[in-house]
Amino acid sequence: MQPYRVDLQLSGHTHGGQIVIPKIGPVAKHLKSIRRLIPKPIRPWIPFVNECYKVVNHWEWSQGLHKIGNNLLYVNRGLGTYPPGRLFCPPEVTIFTLI
């Protein structure tokens, strides 16, 4: 299989983690640590702790423009929200002008 180069990948959105704690960052980035502190019987009642901790292995790629090898990846925060809402994480619309 031949490796292909992608100049720019524009990918979905992350909601920015919904909740961002100043000087610490998005709560989602710390889900694995937080999950360990919550008793197992309670975890199913907190959906983001129950499953979403698996998808944040590369949270550093989740916001903004990043260079990964020779490729560029851009992911924005998006506009939407879900309970409990956003905290210190404003919605984002990105406009690219391609030349």
PDB file of N, CA and C in Angstrom:
ATOM      1  N   MET A   1       0.836  -1.179   0.000  1.00  0.00           N
ATOM      2  CA  MET A   1       0.000   0.000   0.000  1.00  0.00           C
ATOM      3  C   MET A   1       0.885   1.248   0.000  1.00  0.00           C
ATOM      4  N   GLN A   2       0.597   2.180  -0.866  1.00  0.00           N
ATOM      5  CA  GLN A   2       1.390   3.392  -0.991  1.00  0.00           C
ATOM      6  C   GLN A   2       0.845   4.477  -0.051  1.00  0.00           C
ATOM      7  N   PRO A   3       1.722   5.111   0.735  1.00  0.00           N
ATOM      8  CA  PRO A   3       1.236   6.186   1.610  1.00  0.00           C
ATOM      9  C   PRO A   3       0.893   7.422   0.776  1.00  0.00           C
ATOM     10  N   TYR A   4      -0.219   8.050   1.065  1.00  0.00           N
ATOM     11  CA  TYR A   4      -0.645   9.244   0.350  1.00  0.00           C
ATOM     12  C   TYR A   4      -0.501  10.458   1.251  1.00  0.00           C
ATOM     13  N   ARG A   5      -0.210  11.575   0.642  1.00  0.00           N
ATOM     14  CA  ARG A   5      -0.058  12.818   1.371  1.00  0.00           C
ATOM     15  C   ARG A   5      -1.339  13.629   1.225  1.00  0.00           C
ATOM     16  N   VAL A   6      -1.807  14.177   2.320  1.00  0.00           N
ATOM     17  CA  VAL A   6      -2.976  15.042   2.330  1.00  0.00           C
ATOM     18  C   VAL A   6      -2.501  16.417   2.753  1.00  0.00           C
ATOM     19  N   ASP A   7      -2.716  17.423   1.901  1.00  0.00           N
ATOM     20  CA  ASP A   7      -2.247  18.770   2.220  1.00  0.00           C
ATOM     21  C   ASP A   7      -3.010  19.372   3.399  1.00  0.00           C
ATOM     22  N   LEU A   8      -4.324  19.187   3.412  1.00  0.00           N
ATOM     23  CA  LEU A   8      -5.143  19.732   4.487  1.00  0.00           C
ATOM     24  C   LEU A   8      -6.360  18.855   4.697  1.00  0.00           C
ATOM     25  N   GLN A   9      -6.572  18.416   5.913  1.00  0.00           N
ATOM     26  CA  GLN A   9      -7.753  17.629   6.262  1.00  0.00           C
ATOM     27  C   GLN A   9      -8.618  18.491   7.166  1.00  0.00           C
ATOM     28  N   LEU A  10      -9.876  18.697   6.777  1.00  0.00           N
ATOM     29  CA  LEU A  10     -10.831  19.437   7.589  1.00  0.00           C
ATOM     30  C   LEU A  10     -11.768  18.407   8.202  1.00  0.00           C
ATOM     31  N   SER A  11     -11.818  18.350   9.518  1.00  0.00           N
ATOM     32  CA  SER A  11     -12.570  17.293  10.184  1.00  0.00           C
ATOM     33  C   SER A  11     -13.590  17.856  11.162  1.00  0.00           C
ATOM     34  N   GLY A  12     -14.807  17.402  11.040  1.00  0.00           N
ATOM     35  CA  GLY A  12     -15.911  17.630  11.945  1.00  0.00           C
ATOM     36  C   GLY A  12     -15.733  18.665  13.025  1.00  0.00           C
ATOM     37  N   HIS A  13     -16.205  18.344  14.198  1.00  0.00           N
ATOM     38  CA  HIS A  13     -16.058  19.239  15.334  1.00  0.00           C
ATOM     39  C   HIS A  13     -16.098  18.431  16.623  1.00  0.00           C
ATOM     40  N   THR A  14     -15.618  19.047  17.682  1.00  0.00           N
ATOM     41  CA  THR A  14     -15.473  18.355  18.961  1.00  0.00           C
ATOM     42  C   THR A  14     -16.316  18.944  20.076  1.00  0.00           C
ATOM     43  N   HIS A  15     -17.035  20.005  19.799  1.00  0.00           N
ATOM     44  CA  HIS A  15     -17.719  20.794  20.825  1.00  0.00           C
ATOM     45  C   HIS A  15     -16.703  21.415  21.773  1.00  0.00           C
ATOM     46  N   GLY A  16     -15.432  21.290  21.458  1.00  0.00           N
ATOM     47  CA  GLY A  16     -14.380  21.892  22.273  1.00  0.00           C
ATOM     48  C   GLY A  16     -14.249  21.258  23.636  1.00  0.00           C
ATOM     49  N   GLY A  17     -14.932  20.149  23.836  1.00  0.00           N
ATOM     50  CA  GLY A  17     -14.923  19.522  25.143  1.00  0.00           C
ATOM     51  C   GLY A  17     -16.052  20.019  26.017  1.00  0.00           C
ATOM     52  N   GLN A  18     -16.846  20.984  25.511  1.00  0.00           N
ATOM     53  CA  GLN A  18     -17.981  21.566  26.215  1.00  0.00           C
ATOM     54  C   GLN A  18     -17.585  22.359  27.453  1.00  0.00           C
ATOM     55  N   ILE A  19     -16.763  21.774  28.285  1.00  0.00           N
ATOM     56  CA  ILE A  19     -16.380  22.432  29.536  1.00  0.00           C
ATOM     57  C   ILE A  19     -14.865  22.570  29.565  1.00  0.00           C
ATOM     58  N   VAL A  20     -14.405  23.800  29.656  1.00  0.00           N
ATOM     59  CA  VAL A  20     -12.971  24.077  29.693  1.00  0.00           C
ATOM     60  C   VAL A  20     -12.664  24.767  31.014  1.00  0.00           C
ATOM     61  N   ILE A  21     -11.739  24.212  31.760  1.00  0.00           N
ATOM     62  CA  ILE A  21     -11.336  24.807  33.035  1.00  0.00           C
ATOM     63  C   ILE A  21     -10.090  25.637  32.781  1.00  0.00           C
ATOM     64  N   PRO A  22     -10.164  26.957  33.071  1.00  0.00           N
ATOM     65  CA  PRO A  22      -9.002  27.811  32.822  1.00  0.00           C
ATOM     66  C   PRO A  22      -7.730  27.250  33.461  1.00  0.00           C
ATOM     67  N   LYS A  23      -6.635  27.313  32.719  1.00  0.00           N
ATOM     68  CA  LYS A  23      -5.298  26.843  33.098  1.00  0.00           C
ATOM     69  C   LYS A  23      -5.176  25.323  33.169  1.00  0.00           C
ATOM     70  N   ILE A  24      -6.276  24.596  32.998  1.00  0.00           N
ATOM     71  CA  ILE A  24      -6.238  23.127  33.011  1.00  0.00           C
ATOM     72  C   ILE A  24      -6.583  22.584  31.632  1.00  0.00           C
ATOM     73  N   GLY A  25      -7.576  23.204  30.984  1.00  0.00           N
ATOM     74  CA  GLY A  25      -7.972  22.788  29.652  1.00  0.00           C
ATOM     75  C   GLY A  25      -9.304  22.067  29.648  1.00  0.00           C
ATOM     76  N   PRO A  26      -9.655  21.449  28.515  1.00  0.00           N
ATOM     77  CA  PRO A  26     -10.936  20.757  28.387  1.00  0.00           C
ATOM     78  C   PRO A  26     -11.042  19.585  29.353  1.00  0.00           C
ATOM     79  N   VAL A  27     -12.199  19.474  29.994  1.00  0.00           N
ATOM     80  CA  VAL A  27     -12.439  18.357  30.918  1.00  0.00           C
ATOM     81  C   VAL A  27     -12.282  17.030  30.183  1.00  0.00           C
ATOM     82  N   ALA A  28     -12.709  16.992  28.903  1.00  0.00           N
ATOM     83  CA  ALA A  28     -12.635  15.751  28.127  1.00  0.00           C
ATOM     84  C   ALA A  28     -11.213  15.206  28.050  1.00  0.00           C
ATOM     85  N   LYS A  29     -10.242  16.089  28.066  1.00  0.00           N
ATOM     86  CA  LYS A  29      -8.841  15.668  28.001  1.00  0.00           C
ATOM     87  C   LYS A  29      -8.456  14.827  29.214  1.00  0.00           C
ATOM     88  N   HIS A  30      -9.176  15.019  30.299  1.00  0.00           N
ATOM     89  CA  HIS A  30      -8.848  14.345  31.560  1.00  0.00           C
ATOM     90  C   HIS A  30      -9.862  13.261  31.920  1.00  0.00           C
ATOM     91  N   LEU A  31     -10.664  12.799  30.953  1.00  0.00           N
ATOM     92  CA  LEU A  31     -11.732  11.840  31.245  1.00  0.00           C
ATOM     93  C   LEU A  31     -11.234  10.534  31.864  1.00  0.00           C
ATOM     94  N   LYS A  32     -10.097  10.023  31.397  1.00  0.00           N
ATOM     95  CA  LYS A  32      -9.609   8.759  31.963  1.00  0.00           C
ATOM     96  C   LYS A  32      -9.343   8.901  33.455  1.00  0.00           C
ATOM     97  N   SER A  33      -8.742  10.017  33.853  1.00  0.00           N
ATOM     98  CA  SER A  33      -8.456  10.241  35.272  1.00  0.00           C
ATOM     99  C   SER A  33      -9.736  10.443  36.062  1.00  0.00           C
ATOM    100  N   ILE A  34     -10.666  11.227  35.492  1.00  0.00           N
ATOM    101  CA  ILE A  34     -11.933  11.501  36.181  1.00  0.00           C
ATOM    102  C   ILE A  34     -12.738  10.223  36.338  1.00  0.00           C
ATOM    103  N   ARG A  35     -12.737   9.382  35.307  1.00  0.00           N
ATOM    104  CA  ARG A  35     -13.526   8.145  35.315  1.00  0.00           C
ATOM    105  C   ARG A  35     -13.145   7.247  36.485  1.00  0.00           C
ATOM    106  N   ARG A  36     -11.873   7.187  36.785  1.00  0.00           N
ATOM    107  CA  ARG A  36     -11.407   6.334  37.889  1.00  0.00           C
ATOM    108  C   ARG A  36     -11.954   6.788  39.242  1.00  0.00           C
ATOM    109  N   LEU A  37     -12.280   8.065  39.359  1.00  0.00           N
ATOM    110  CA  LEU A  37     -12.758   8.608  40.628  1.00  0.00           C
ATOM    111  C   LEU A  37     -14.253   8.386  40.857  1.00  0.00           C
ATOM    112  N   ILE A  38     -14.988   8.019  39.804  1.00  0.00           N
ATOM    113  CA  ILE A  38     -16.435   7.847  39.903  1.00  0.00           C
ATOM    114  C   ILE A  38     -16.753   6.378  40.144  1.00  0.00           C
ATOM    115  N   PRO A  39     -17.549   6.070  41.172  1.00  0.00           N
ATOM    116  CA  PRO A  39     -17.889   4.669  41.455  1.00  0.00           C
ATOM    117  C   PRO A  39     -18.565   3.995  40.257  1.00  0.00           C
ATOM    118  N   LYS A  40     -18.232   2.725  40.001  1.00  0.00           N
ATOM    119  CA  LYS A  40     -18.756   1.994  38.843  1.00  0.00           C
ATOM    120  C   LYS A  40     -20.281   2.008  38.737  1.00  0.00           C
ATOM    121  N   PRO A  41     -21.036   1.871  39.838  1.00  0.00           N
ATOM    122  CA  PRO A  41     -22.504   1.875  39.695  1.00  0.00           C
ATOM    123  C   PRO A  41     -23.059   3.207  39.171  1.00  0.00           C
ATOM    124  N   ILE A  42     -22.326   4.295  39.333  1.00  0.00           N
ATOM    125  CA  ILE A  42     -22.798   5.614  38.908  1.00  0.00           C
ATOM    126  C   ILE A  42     -22.396   5.913  37.466  1.00  0.00           C
ATOM    127  N   ARG A  43     -21.345   5.317  36.942  1.00  0.00           N
ATOM    128  CA  ARG A  43     -20.825   5.620  35.603  1.00  0.00           C
ATOM    129  C   ARG A  43     -21.862   5.535  34.486  1.00  0.00           C
ATOM    130  N   PRO A  44     -22.752   4.523  34.456  1.00  0.00           N
ATOM    131  CA  PRO A  44     -23.738   4.459  33.361  1.00  0.00           C
ATOM    132  C   PRO A  44     -24.669   5.668  33.311  1.00  0.00           C
ATOM    133  N   TRP A  45     -24.827   6.373  34.403  1.00  0.00           N
ATOM    134  CA  TRP A  45     -25.722   7.526  34.459  1.00  0.00           C
ATOM    135  C   TRP A  45     -25.043   8.808  33.996  1.00  0.00           C
ATOM    136  N   ILE A  46     -23.752   8.739  33.735  1.00  0.00           N
ATOM    137  CA  ILE A  46     -23.003   9.902  33.263  1.00  0.00           C
ATOM    138  C   ILE A  46     -22.401   9.515  31.918  1.00  0.00           C
ATOM    139  N   PRO A  47     -23.135   9.751  30.814  1.00  0.00           N
ATOM    140  CA  PRO A  47     -22.732   9.220  29.504  1.00  0.00           C
ATOM    141  C   PRO A  47     -21.316   9.579  29.069  1.00  0.00           C
ATOM    142  N   PHE A  48     -20.888  10.827  29.243  1.00  0.00           N
ATOM    143  CA  PHE A  48     -19.563  11.187  28.745  1.00  0.00           C
ATOM    144  C   PHE A  48     -18.463  10.462  29.495  1.00  0.00           C
ATOM    145  N   VAL A  49     -18.697  10.089  30.722  1.00  0.00           N
ATOM    146  CA  VAL A  49     -17.696   9.356  31.493  1.00  0.00           C
ATOM    147  C   VAL A  49     -17.733   7.881  31.122  1.00  0.00           C
ATOM    148  N   ASN A  50     -18.916   7.384  30.794  1.00  0.00           N
ATOM    149  CA  ASN A  50     -19.084   5.966  30.508  1.00  0.00           C
ATOM    150  C   ASN A  50     -18.403   5.543  29.208  1.00  0.00           C
ATOM    151  N   GLU A  51     -18.510   6.318  28.146  1.00  0.00           N
ATOM    152  CA  GLU A  51     -17.990   5.895  26.850  1.00  0.00           C
ATOM    153  C   GLU A  51     -16.984   6.848  26.215  1.00  0.00           C
ATOM    154  N   CYS A  52     -17.211   8.142  26.329  1.00  0.00           N
ATOM    155  CA  CYS A  52     -16.426   9.104  25.555  1.00  0.00           C
ATOM    156  C   CYS A  52     -14.956   9.152  25.946  1.00  0.00           C
ATOM    157  N   TYR A  53     -14.594   8.651  27.089  1.00  0.00           N
ATOM    158  CA  TYR A  53     -13.189   8.691  27.486  1.00  0.00           C
ATOM    159  C   TYR A  53     -12.322   7.932  26.493  1.00  0.00           C
ATOM    160  N   LYS A  54     -12.914   7.023  25.721  1.00  0.00           N
ATOM    161  CA  LYS A  54     -12.151   6.221  24.761  1.00  0.00           C
ATOM    162  C   LYS A  54     -11.705   7.014  23.538  1.00  0.00           C
ATOM    163  N   VAL A  55     -12.376   8.126  23.237  1.00  0.00           N
ATOM    164  CA  VAL A  55     -12.090   8.844  21.991  1.00  0.00           C
ATOM    165  C   VAL A  55     -11.149  10.021  22.159  1.00  0.00           C
ATOM    166  N   VAL A  56     -10.589  10.212  23.302  1.00  0.00           N
ATOM    167  CA  VAL A  56      -9.746  11.389  23.526  1.00  0.00           C
ATOM    168  C   VAL A  56      -8.265  11.046  23.661  1.00  0.00           C
ATOM    169  N   ASN A  57      -7.834   9.961  23.047  1.00  0.00           N
ATOM    170  CA  ASN A  57      -6.426   9.585  23.122  1.00  0.00           C
ATOM    171  C   ASN A  57      -5.503  10.632  22.512  1.00  0.00           C
ATOM    172  N   HIS A  58      -5.985  11.347  21.502  1.00  0.00           N
ATOM    173  CA  HIS A  58      -5.188  12.398  20.863  1.00  0.00           C
ATOM    174  C   HIS A  58      -5.927  13.719  20.943  1.00  0.00           C
ATOM    175  N   TRP A  59      -6.301  14.116  22.147  1.00  0.00           N
ATOM    176  CA  TRP A  59      -7.062  15.347  22.335  1.00  0.00           C
ATOM    177  C   TRP A  59      -6.291  16.567  21.842  1.00  0.00           C
ATOM    178  N   GLU A  60      -4.973  16.478  21.781  1.00  0.00           N
ATOM    179  CA  GLU A  60      -4.192  17.611  21.292  1.00  0.00           C
ATOM    180  C   GLU A  60      -4.554  17.942  19.845  1.00  0.00           C
ATOM    181  N   TRP A  61      -5.180  17.021  19.116  1.00  0.00           N
ATOM    182  CA  TRP A  61      -5.580  17.274  17.736  1.00  0.00           C
ATOM    183  C   TRP A  61      -6.984  17.849  17.649  1.00  0.00           C
ATOM    184  N   SER A  62      -7.652  18.008  18.755  1.00  0.00           N
ATOM    185  CA  SER A  62      -9.088  18.255  18.734  1.00  0.00           C
ATOM    186  C   SER A  62      -9.508  19.681  18.477  1.00  0.00           C
ATOM    187  N   GLN A  63      -8.612  20.625  18.460  1.00  0.00           N
ATOM    188  CA  GLN A  63      -8.992  22.014  18.294  1.00  0.00           C
ATOM    189  C   GLN A  63      -7.936  22.762  17.521  1.00  0.00           C
ATOM    190  N   GLY A  64      -8.344  23.441  16.473  1.00  0.00           N
ATOM    191  CA  GLY A  64      -7.418  24.273  15.739  1.00  0.00           C
ATOM    192  C   GLY A  64      -6.637  23.521  14.688  1.00  0.00           C
ATOM    193  N   LEU A  65      -5.595  24.154  14.194  1.00  0.00           N
ATOM    194  CA  LEU A  65      -4.764  23.622  13.119  1.00  0.00           C
ATOM    195  C   LEU A  65      -3.522  22.957  13.697  1.00  0.00           C
ATOM    196  N   HIS A  66      -3.265  21.731  13.271  1.00  0.00           N
ATOM    197  CA  HIS A  66      -2.119  20.976  13.772  1.00  0.00           C
ATOM    198  C   HIS A  66      -1.377  20.337  12.612  1.00  0.00           C
ATOM    199  N   LYS A  67      -0.081  20.289  12.721  1.00  0.00           N
ATOM    200  CA  LYS A  67       0.746  19.600  11.735  1.00  0.00           C
ATOM    201  C   LYS A  67       1.036  18.207  12.274  1.00  0.00           C
ATOM    202  N   ILE A  68       0.666  17.207  11.491  1.00  0.00           N
ATOM    203  CA  ILE A  68       0.894  15.822  11.869  1.00  0.00           C
ATOM    204  C   ILE A  68       1.706  15.201  10.738  1.00  0.00           C
ATOM    205  N   GLY A  69       2.983  15.002  10.987  1.00  0.00           N
ATOM    206  CA  GLY A  69       3.881  14.581   9.920  1.00  0.00           C
ATOM    207  C   GLY A  69       3.972  15.708   8.905  1.00  0.00           C
ATOM    208  N   ASN A  70       3.714  15.406   7.624  1.00  0.00           N
ATOM    209  CA  ASN A  70       3.707  16.424   6.574  1.00  0.00           C
ATOM    210  C   ASN A  70       2.311  16.951   6.285  1.00  0.00           C
ATOM    211  N   ASN A  71       1.316  16.524   7.045  1.00  0.00           N
ATOM    212  CA  ASN A  71      -0.075  16.871   6.780  1.00  0.00           C
ATOM    213  C   ASN A  71      -0.592  17.888   7.788  1.00  0.00           C
ATOM    214  N   LEU A  72      -1.601  18.651   7.354  1.00  0.00           N
ATOM    215  CA  LEU A  72      -2.273  19.597   8.244  1.00  0.00           C
ATOM    216  C   LEU A  72      -3.663  19.069   8.560  1.00  0.00           C
ATOM    217  N   LEU A  73      -4.060  19.169   9.823  1.00  0.00           N
ATOM    218  CA  LEU A  73      -5.383  18.742  10.283  1.00  0.00           C
ATOM    219  C   LEU A  73      -6.035  19.925  10.977  1.00  0.00           C
ATOM    220  N   TYR A  74      -7.285  20.220  10.604  1.00  0.00           N
ATOM    221  CA  TYR A  74      -8.018  21.286  11.280  1.00  0.00           C
ATOM    222  C   TYR A  74      -9.335  20.736  11.794  1.00  0.00           C
ATOM    223  N   VAL A  75      -9.606  20.947  13.080  1.00  0.00           N
ATOM    224  CA  VAL A  75     -10.864  20.561  13.709  1.00  0.00           C
ATOM    225  C   VAL A  75     -11.328  21.761  14.521  1.00  0.00           C
ATOM    226  N   ASN A  76     -12.604  22.149  14.365  1.00  0.00           N
ATOM    227  CA  ASN A  76     -13.069  23.278  15.171  1.00  0.00           C
ATOM    228  C   ASN A  76     -14.003  22.822  16.291  1.00  0.00           C
ATOM    229  N   ARG A  77     -14.433  23.789  17.117  1.00  0.00           N
ATOM    230  CA  ARG A  77     -15.291  23.476  18.261  1.00  0.00           C
ATOM    231  C   ARG A  77     -16.742  23.281  17.866  1.00  0.00           C
ATOM    232  N   GLY A  78     -17.154  23.830  16.739  1.00  0.00           N
ATOM    233  CA  GLY A  78     -18.550  23.709  16.311  1.00  0.00           C
ATOM    234  C   GLY A  78     -19.457  24.686  17.023  1.00  0.00           C
ATOM    235  N   LEU A  79     -20.734  24.644  16.649  1.00  0.00           N
ATOM    236  CA  LEU A  79     -21.720  25.574  17.202  1.00  0.00           C
ATOM    237  C   LEU A  79     -22.590  24.969  18.278  1.00  0.00           C
ATOM    238  N   GLY A  80     -22.817  23.667  18.203  1.00  0.00           N
ATOM    239  CA  GLY A  80     -23.810  23.029  19.049  1.00  0.00           C
ATOM    240  C   GLY A  80     -23.381  22.813  20.483  1.00  0.00           C
ATOM    241  N   THR A  81     -24.340  22.338  21.240  1.00  0.00           N
ATOM    242  CA  THR A  81     -24.099  22.027  22.637  1.00  0.00           C
ATOM    243  C   THR A  81     -25.065  20.935  23.071  1.00  0.00           C
ATOM    244  N   TYR A  82     -24.807  20.329  24.154  1.00  0.00           N
ATOM    245  CA  TYR A  82     -25.736  19.391  24.777  1.00  0.00           C
ATOM    246  C   TYR A  82     -25.567  19.549  26.277  1.00  0.00           C
ATOM    247  N   PRO A  83     -26.548  19.105  27.063  1.00  0.00           N
ATOM    248  CA  PRO A  83     -26.448  19.311  28.512  1.00  0.00           C
ATOM    249  C   PRO A  83     -25.144  18.758  29.043  1.00  0.00           C
ATOM    250  N   PRO A  84     -24.465  19.417  29.903  1.00  0.00           N
ATOM    251  CA  PRO A  84     -24.862  20.589  30.682  1.00  0.00           C
ATOM    252  C   PRO A  84     -24.588  21.921  29.999  1.00  0.00           C
ATOM    253  N   GLY A  85     -24.168  21.939  28.744  1.00  0.00           N
ATOM    254  CA  GLY A  85     -23.897  23.191  28.048  1.00  0.00           C
ATOM    255  C   GLY A  85     -22.406  23.473  27.987  1.00  0.00           C
ATOM    256  N   ARG A  86     -22.062  24.666  27.550  1.00  0.00           N
ATOM    257  CA  ARG A  86     -20.664  25.066  27.424  1.00  0.00           C
ATOM    258  C   ARG A  86     -20.248  25.932  28.607  1.00  0.00           C
ATOM    259  N   LEU A  87     -19.014  25.763  29.027  1.00  0.00           N
ATOM    260  CA  LEU A  87     -18.451  26.580  30.091  1.00  0.00           C
ATOM    261  C   LEU A  87     -17.040  26.966  29.661  1.00  0.00           C
ATOM    262  N   PHE A  88     -16.776  28.255  29.506  1.00  0.00           N
ATOM    263  CA  PHE A  88     -15.473  28.770  29.047  1.00  0.00           C
ATOM    264  C   PHE A  88     -15.058  28.147  27.714  1.00  0.00           C
ATOM    265  N   CYS A  89     -16.035  27.822  26.881  1.00  0.00           N
ATOM    266  CA  CYS A  89     -15.778  27.174  25.585  1.00  0.00           C
ATOM    267  C   CYS A  89     -16.751  27.736  24.554  1.00  0.00           C
ATOM    268  N   PRO A  90     -16.448  28.910  24.006  1.00  0.00           N
ATOM    269  CA  PRO A  90     -17.399  29.535  23.083  1.00  0.00           C
ATOM    270  C   PRO A  90     -17.554  28.744  21.781  1.00  0.00           C
ATOM    271  N   PRO A  91     -18.744  28.828  21.151  1.00  0.00           N
ATOM    272  CA  PRO A  91     -18.931  28.174  19.856  1.00  0.00           C
ATOM    273  C   PRO A  91     -18.006  28.801  18.817  1.00  0.00           C
ATOM    274  N   GLU A  92     -17.765  28.066  17.731  1.00  0.00           N
ATOM    275  CA  GLU A  92     -16.808  28.536  16.730  1.00  0.00           C
ATOM    276  C   GLU A  92     -17.324  28.241  15.323  1.00  0.00           C
ATOM    277  N   VAL A  93     -17.176  29.237  14.451  1.00  0.00           N
ATOM    278  CA  VAL A  93     -17.394  29.074  13.022  1.00  0.00           C
ATOM    279  C   VAL A  93     -16.081  29.417  12.349  1.00  0.00           C
ATOM    280  N   THR A  94     -15.619  28.564  11.460  1.00  0.00           N
ATOM    281  CA  THR A  94     -14.347  28.777  10.779  1.00  0.00           C
ATOM    282  C   THR A  94     -14.620  29.065   9.306  1.00  0.00           C
ATOM    283  N   ILE A  95     -13.957  30.080   8.798  1.00  0.00           N
ATOM    284  CA  ILE A  95     -14.064  30.410   7.378  1.00  0.00           C
ATOM    285  C   ILE A  95     -12.675  30.306   6.763  1.00  0.00           C
ATOM    286  N   PHE A  96     -12.565  29.470   5.738  1.00  0.00           N
ATOM    287  CA  PHE A  96     -11.310  29.327   5.010  1.00  0.00           C
ATOM    288  C   PHE A  96     -11.482  29.955   3.632  1.00  0.00           C
ATOM    289  N   THR A  97     -10.500  30.672   3.189  1.00  0.00           N
ATOM    290  CA  THR A  97     -10.473  31.186   1.836  1.00  0.00           C
ATOM    291  C   THR A  97      -9.399  30.421   1.082  1.00  0.00           C
ATOM    292  N   LEU A  98      -9.807  29.619   0.120  1.00  0.00           N
ATOM    293  CA  LEU A  98      -8.859  28.810  -0.654  1.00  0.00           C
ATOM    294  C   LEU A  98      -8.413  29.593  -1.881  1.00  0.00           C
ATOM    295  N   ILE A  99      -7.121  29.653  -2.080  1.00  0.00           N
ATOM    296  CA  ILE A  99      -6.569  30.401  -3.207  1.00  0.00           C
ATOM    297  C   ILE A  99      -5.848  29.429  -4.129  1.00  0.00           C
TER     298      ILE A  99
END
